[in-house]
Amino acid sequence: MREYPSTMTPEEARAFRDDVLNIVGQIPRGRVTTYGLIATLAGWPSHARMVGRTLRYTPGAELLPCHRVVNKEGRTAPGWNWQRTLLEEEGVRFKENGHVDMSSHLWEPD
């Protein structure tokens, strides 16, 4: 497995941001993916938290389907009560514990 540095150069950070936004823009309606999978697809597998920060602090990210990103257990973002509503409106089912049914709704690009 390739070794990844813990910090990014400014150029790497910009490329990471662009990759994250591109990936999130591809998540189909009624499906979800995880912060960790997005980080891995962007080439930085240990940077799941940075995916969340990128989505929160990048101007224009609110125009993307950010509500389709959950954690690896299917938990929605803390403090974002509308996320579940938005997902349910797309047909995403939740289990009794309040987590997304990942076996039915996880999106992993080819």
N, C-alpha and C. Protein backbone atom coordinates (compact mmCIF):
# COMPACT_ATOMS: atom_id res chain seq x y z
N MET A 1 0.84 -1.19 0.00
CA MET A 1 0.00 0.00 0.00
C MET A 1 0.88 1.24 0.00
N ARG A 2 0.46 2.22 -0.75
CA ARG A 2 1.20 3.46 -0.87
C ARG A 2 1.15 4.25 0.44
N GLU A 3 2.25 4.88 0.78
CA GLU A 3 2.29 5.75 1.95
C GLU A 3 1.74 7.13 1.57
N TYR A 4 0.92 7.70 2.42
CA TYR A 4 0.36 9.01 2.16
C TYR A 4 0.83 9.97 3.24
N PRO A 5 1.25 11.16 2.84
CA PRO A 5 1.66 12.15 3.84
C PRO A 5 0.46 12.61 4.65
N SER A 6 0.72 13.11 5.83
CA SER A 6 -0.38 13.56 6.69
C SER A 6 -0.83 14.98 6.35
N THR A 7 0.01 15.72 5.67
CA THR A 7 -0.37 17.09 5.30
C THR A 7 -0.26 17.26 3.79
N MET A 8 -1.00 18.22 3.29
CA MET A 8 -1.03 18.48 1.85
C MET A 8 -0.37 19.81 1.55
N THR A 9 0.21 19.88 0.39
CA THR A 9 0.69 21.17 -0.11
C THR A 9 -0.55 21.96 -0.56
N PRO A 10 -0.42 23.25 -0.75
CA PRO A 10 -1.57 24.01 -1.25
C PRO A 10 -2.10 23.47 -2.58
N GLU A 11 -1.22 23.04 -3.46
CA GLU A 11 -1.65 22.49 -4.74
C GLU A 11 -2.42 21.19 -4.54
N GLU A 12 -1.94 20.34 -3.65
CA GLU A 12 -2.63 19.08 -3.35
C GLU A 12 -3.99 19.35 -2.72
N ALA A 13 -4.05 20.35 -1.86
CA ALA A 13 -5.32 20.70 -1.20
C ALA A 13 -6.35 21.16 -2.23
N ARG A 14 -5.92 21.96 -3.21
CA ARG A 14 -6.84 22.42 -4.25
C ARG A 14 -7.31 21.24 -5.11
N ALA A 15 -6.39 20.34 -5.45
CA ALA A 15 -6.77 19.16 -6.24
C ALA A 15 -7.72 18.27 -5.45
N PHE A 16 -7.45 18.11 -4.15
CA PHE A 16 -8.32 17.32 -3.29
C PHE A 16 -9.72 17.93 -3.26
N ARG A 17 -9.80 19.23 -3.05
CA ARG A 17 -11.10 19.92 -3.03
C ARG A 17 -11.85 19.70 -4.34
N ASP A 18 -11.17 19.89 -5.44
CA ASP A 18 -11.82 19.71 -6.74
C ASP A 18 -12.30 18.27 -6.93
N ASP A 19 -11.48 17.31 -6.51
CA ASP A 19 -11.86 15.90 -6.63
C ASP A 19 -13.07 15.58 -5.76
N VAL A 20 -13.06 16.09 -4.53
CA VAL A 20 -14.18 15.85 -3.61
C VAL A 20 -15.48 16.40 -4.21
N LEU A 21 -15.44 17.63 -4.69
CA LEU A 21 -16.64 18.24 -5.25
C LEU A 21 -17.12 17.48 -6.49
N ASN A 22 -16.20 17.04 -7.31
CA ASN A 22 -16.55 16.27 -8.50
C ASN A 22 -17.21 14.95 -8.12
N ILE A 23 -16.66 14.26 -7.14
CA ILE A 23 -17.21 12.97 -6.71
C ILE A 23 -18.60 13.15 -6.13
N VAL A 24 -18.76 14.13 -5.25
CA VAL A 24 -20.06 14.37 -4.62
C VAL A 24 -21.11 14.70 -5.69
N GLY A 25 -20.72 15.45 -6.70
CA GLY A 25 -21.63 15.79 -7.76
C GLY A 25 -22.13 14.59 -8.56
N GLN A 26 -21.44 13.46 -8.46
CA GLN A 26 -21.82 12.26 -9.20
C GLN A 26 -22.73 11.30 -8.43
N ILE A 27 -22.91 11.53 -7.14
CA ILE A 27 -23.71 10.60 -6.33
C ILE A 27 -25.16 10.64 -6.83
N PRO A 28 -25.68 9.50 -7.26
CA PRO A 28 -27.04 9.48 -7.82
C PRO A 28 -28.12 9.69 -6.75
N ARG A 29 -29.23 10.19 -7.18
CA ARG A 29 -30.41 10.35 -6.33
C ARG A 29 -30.78 9.00 -5.72
N GLY A 30 -31.10 9.00 -4.43
CA GLY A 30 -31.51 7.77 -3.75
C GLY A 30 -30.34 6.90 -3.30
N ARG A 31 -29.13 7.40 -3.45
CA ARG A 31 -27.94 6.66 -3.03
C ARG A 31 -27.11 7.55 -2.12
N VAL A 32 -26.23 6.94 -1.35
CA VAL A 32 -25.31 7.67 -0.47
C VAL A 32 -23.91 7.09 -0.64
N THR A 33 -22.93 7.86 -0.22
CA THR A 33 -21.57 7.34 -0.12
C THR A 33 -20.97 7.90 1.16
N THR A 34 -19.76 7.47 1.47
CA THR A 34 -19.16 7.84 2.74
C THR A 34 -18.03 8.84 2.57
N TYR A 35 -17.74 9.54 3.65
CA TYR A 35 -16.62 10.47 3.68
C TYR A 35 -15.33 9.72 3.35
N GLY A 36 -15.17 8.55 3.95
CA GLY A 36 -13.96 7.76 3.74
C GLY A 36 -13.79 7.30 2.30
N LEU A 37 -14.87 6.88 1.68
CA LEU A 37 -14.78 6.44 0.29
C LEU A 37 -14.43 7.61 -0.62
N ILE A 38 -15.00 8.76 -0.35
CA ILE A 38 -14.67 9.95 -1.15
C ILE A 38 -13.18 10.29 -0.99
N ALA A 39 -12.69 10.26 0.24
CA ALA A 39 -11.27 10.54 0.48
C ALA A 39 -10.39 9.56 -0.27
N THR A 40 -10.76 8.29 -0.24
CA THR A 40 -9.98 7.27 -0.95
C THR A 40 -10.01 7.52 -2.45
N LEU A 41 -11.17 7.81 -2.99
CA LEU A 41 -11.29 8.08 -4.42
C LEU A 41 -10.48 9.31 -4.83
N ALA A 42 -10.36 10.27 -3.91
CA ALA A 42 -9.60 11.48 -4.18
C ALA A 42 -8.09 11.27 -3.98
N GLY A 43 -7.70 10.06 -3.56
CA GLY A 43 -6.28 9.76 -3.41
C GLY A 43 -5.71 10.00 -2.03
N TRP A 44 -6.56 10.28 -1.05
CA TRP A 44 -6.11 10.54 0.32
C TRP A 44 -6.96 9.72 1.29
N PRO A 45 -6.74 8.42 1.34
CA PRO A 45 -7.63 7.52 2.09
C PRO A 45 -7.74 7.79 3.59
N SER A 46 -6.81 8.47 4.17
CA SER A 46 -6.90 8.73 5.61
C SER A 46 -7.45 10.13 5.92
N HIS A 47 -8.11 10.74 4.97
CA HIS A 47 -8.57 12.12 5.14
C HIS A 47 -10.09 12.27 5.07
N ALA A 48 -10.82 11.35 5.65
CA ALA A 48 -12.28 11.41 5.64
C ALA A 48 -12.80 12.70 6.29
N ARG A 49 -12.19 13.11 7.38
CA ARG A 49 -12.65 14.33 8.05
C ARG A 49 -12.45 15.56 7.17
N MET A 50 -11.40 15.53 6.37
CA MET A 50 -11.16 16.67 5.49
C MET A 50 -12.22 16.76 4.40
N VAL A 51 -12.81 15.63 4.04
CA VAL A 51 -13.92 15.66 3.09
C VAL A 51 -15.07 16.47 3.68
N GLY A 52 -15.39 16.19 4.94
CA GLY A 52 -16.46 16.94 5.61
C GLY A 52 -16.16 18.42 5.69
N ARG A 53 -14.93 18.76 6.03
CA ARG A 53 -14.55 20.18 6.08
C ARG A 53 -14.64 20.83 4.71
N THR A 54 -14.22 20.10 3.70
CA THR A 54 -14.29 20.63 2.33
C THR A 54 -15.73 20.94 1.96
N LEU A 55 -16.64 20.03 2.27
CA LEU A 55 -18.04 20.25 1.92
C LEU A 55 -18.65 21.38 2.74
N ARG A 56 -18.21 21.53 3.96
CA ARG A 56 -18.78 22.57 4.81
C ARG A 56 -18.28 23.97 4.47
N TYR A 57 -17.00 24.07 4.11
CA TYR A 57 -16.40 25.40 3.98
C TYR A 57 -16.11 25.86 2.55
N THR A 58 -16.42 25.05 1.55
CA THR A 58 -16.17 25.47 0.17
C THR A 58 -17.40 26.20 -0.38
N PRO A 59 -17.23 27.47 -0.75
CA PRO A 59 -18.36 28.19 -1.33
C PRO A 59 -18.88 27.45 -2.58
N GLY A 60 -20.17 27.32 -2.66
CA GLY A 60 -20.79 26.64 -3.79
C GLY A 60 -21.06 25.18 -3.54
N ALA A 61 -20.45 24.59 -2.51
CA ALA A 61 -20.67 23.16 -2.23
C ALA A 61 -22.13 22.90 -1.87
N GLU A 62 -22.82 23.90 -1.36
CA GLU A 62 -24.23 23.71 -0.99
C GLU A 62 -25.11 23.46 -2.22
N LEU A 63 -24.58 23.71 -3.39
CA LEU A 63 -25.33 23.44 -4.62
C LEU A 63 -25.21 21.97 -5.06
N LEU A 64 -24.32 21.25 -4.41
CA LEU A 64 -24.11 19.82 -4.70
C LEU A 64 -24.97 18.97 -3.78
N PRO A 65 -25.17 17.70 -4.10
CA PRO A 65 -25.96 16.83 -3.23
C PRO A 65 -25.17 16.33 -2.01
N CYS A 66 -24.71 17.28 -1.20
CA CYS A 66 -23.90 16.95 -0.02
C CYS A 66 -24.68 16.10 0.98
N HIS A 67 -26.00 16.18 0.93
CA HIS A 67 -26.81 15.40 1.86
C HIS A 67 -26.66 13.90 1.60
N ARG A 68 -26.08 13.53 0.48
CA ARG A 68 -25.89 12.11 0.14
C ARG A 68 -24.59 11.54 0.69
N VAL A 69 -23.90 12.30 1.53
CA VAL A 69 -22.66 11.84 2.14
C VAL A 69 -22.91 11.57 3.62
N VAL A 70 -22.60 10.35 4.05
CA VAL A 70 -22.80 9.93 5.44
C VAL A 70 -21.52 9.26 5.94
N ASN A 71 -21.47 8.92 7.22
CA ASN A 71 -20.28 8.23 7.69
C ASN A 71 -20.37 6.74 7.36
N LYS A 72 -19.33 6.00 7.65
CA LYS A 72 -19.27 4.60 7.21
C LYS A 72 -20.35 3.72 7.82
N GLU A 73 -20.94 4.14 8.93
CA GLU A 73 -22.02 3.38 9.54
C GLU A 73 -23.39 3.83 9.05
N GLY A 74 -23.41 4.86 8.21
CA GLY A 74 -24.67 5.37 7.69
C GLY A 74 -25.28 6.47 8.54
N ARG A 75 -24.51 7.00 9.47
CA ARG A 75 -25.01 8.10 10.30
C ARG A 75 -24.95 9.41 9.52
N THR A 76 -25.95 10.23 9.71
CA THR A 76 -26.00 11.54 9.08
C THR A 76 -25.14 12.52 9.88
N ALA A 77 -24.91 13.69 9.30
CA ALA A 77 -24.07 14.71 9.94
C ALA A 77 -24.75 15.25 11.19
N PRO A 78 -24.02 15.33 12.28
CA PRO A 78 -24.61 15.88 13.51
C PRO A 78 -25.01 17.34 13.32
N GLY A 79 -26.18 17.68 13.81
CA GLY A 79 -26.64 19.06 13.73
C GLY A 79 -27.31 19.45 12.43
N TRP A 80 -27.34 18.53 11.47
CA TRP A 80 -27.98 18.82 10.18
C TRP A 80 -29.26 18.00 10.09
N ASN A 81 -30.31 18.49 10.73
CA ASN A 81 -31.56 17.76 10.83
C ASN A 81 -32.24 17.53 9.48
N TRP A 82 -32.02 18.41 8.52
CA TRP A 82 -32.65 18.29 7.21
C TRP A 82 -32.05 17.17 6.37
N GLN A 83 -30.87 16.71 6.72
CA GLN A 83 -30.22 15.70 5.90
C GLN A 83 -31.08 14.44 5.78
N ARG A 84 -31.59 13.97 6.89
CA ARG A 84 -32.43 12.78 6.84
C ARG A 84 -33.68 13.02 6.00
N THR A 85 -34.31 14.15 6.16
CA THR A 85 -35.51 14.48 5.39
C THR A 85 -35.20 14.47 3.89
N LEU A 86 -34.10 15.11 3.52
CA LEU A 86 -33.72 15.16 2.10
C LEU A 86 -33.48 13.75 1.55
N LEU A 87 -32.83 12.91 2.32
CA LEU A 87 -32.57 11.54 1.88
C LEU A 87 -33.87 10.74 1.78
N GLU A 88 -34.73 10.88 2.76
CA GLU A 88 -36.00 10.15 2.72
C GLU A 88 -36.85 10.58 1.52
N GLU A 89 -36.80 11.85 1.17
CA GLU A 89 -37.54 12.33 0.00
C GLU A 89 -37.03 11.69 -1.30
N GLU A 90 -35.79 11.20 -1.27
CA GLU A 90 -35.21 10.52 -2.44
C GLU A 90 -35.41 9.00 -2.37
N GLY A 91 -36.07 8.53 -1.32
CA GLY A 91 -36.33 7.11 -1.20
C GLY A 91 -35.32 6.34 -0.39
N VAL A 92 -34.38 7.02 0.24
CA VAL A 92 -33.39 6.35 1.08
C VAL A 92 -34.06 5.87 2.35
N ARG A 93 -33.86 4.59 2.65
CA ARG A 93 -34.46 4.00 3.86
C ARG A 93 -33.46 4.03 5.01
N PHE A 94 -34.01 4.18 6.19
CA PHE A 94 -33.22 4.19 7.41
C PHE A 94 -33.58 2.98 8.26
N LYS A 95 -32.59 2.47 8.98
CA LYS A 95 -32.82 1.34 9.88
C LYS A 95 -33.38 1.87 11.20
N GLU A 96 -33.79 0.96 12.06
CA GLU A 96 -34.38 1.35 13.35
C GLU A 96 -33.43 2.20 14.19
N ASN A 97 -32.12 2.00 14.02
CA ASN A 97 -31.16 2.77 14.81
C ASN A 97 -30.93 4.18 14.26
N GLY A 98 -31.64 4.55 13.18
CA GLY A 98 -31.52 5.88 12.61
C GLY A 98 -30.43 6.02 11.57
N HIS A 99 -29.75 4.93 11.24
CA HIS A 99 -28.69 4.96 10.24
C HIS A 99 -29.25 4.58 8.87
N VAL A 100 -28.63 5.10 7.83
CA VAL A 100 -29.01 4.74 6.46
C VAL A 100 -28.80 3.24 6.28
N ASP A 101 -29.70 2.61 5.56
CA ASP A 101 -29.54 1.20 5.20
C ASP A 101 -28.48 1.14 4.10
N MET A 102 -27.23 0.99 4.53
CA MET A 102 -26.10 1.05 3.59
C MET A 102 -26.11 -0.13 2.62
N SER A 103 -26.66 -1.27 3.03
CA SER A 103 -26.67 -2.42 2.12
C SER A 103 -27.55 -2.16 0.91
N SER A 104 -28.51 -1.26 1.04
CA SER A 104 -29.41 -0.95 -0.07
C SER A 104 -29.05 0.33 -0.81
N HIS A 105 -28.35 1.25 -0.14
CA HIS A 105 -28.20 2.59 -0.72
C HIS A 105 -26.77 3.06 -0.94
N LEU A 106 -25.78 2.25 -0.60
CA LEU A 106 -24.40 2.68 -0.78
C LEU A 106 -24.04 2.77 -2.25
N TRP A 107 -23.48 3.90 -2.66
CA TRP A 107 -23.01 4.10 -4.02
C TRP A 107 -21.49 4.04 -4.03
N GLU A 108 -20.98 3.17 -4.87
CA GLU A 108 -19.54 3.08 -5.09
C GLU A 108 -19.32 3.14 -6.60
N PRO A 109 -18.64 4.20 -7.06
CA PRO A 109 -18.45 4.30 -8.51
C PRO A 109 -17.61 3.15 -9.04
N ASP A 110 -17.78 2.87 -10.31
CA ASP A 110 -17.02 1.79 -10.94
C ASP A 110 -15.55 2.08 -10.98
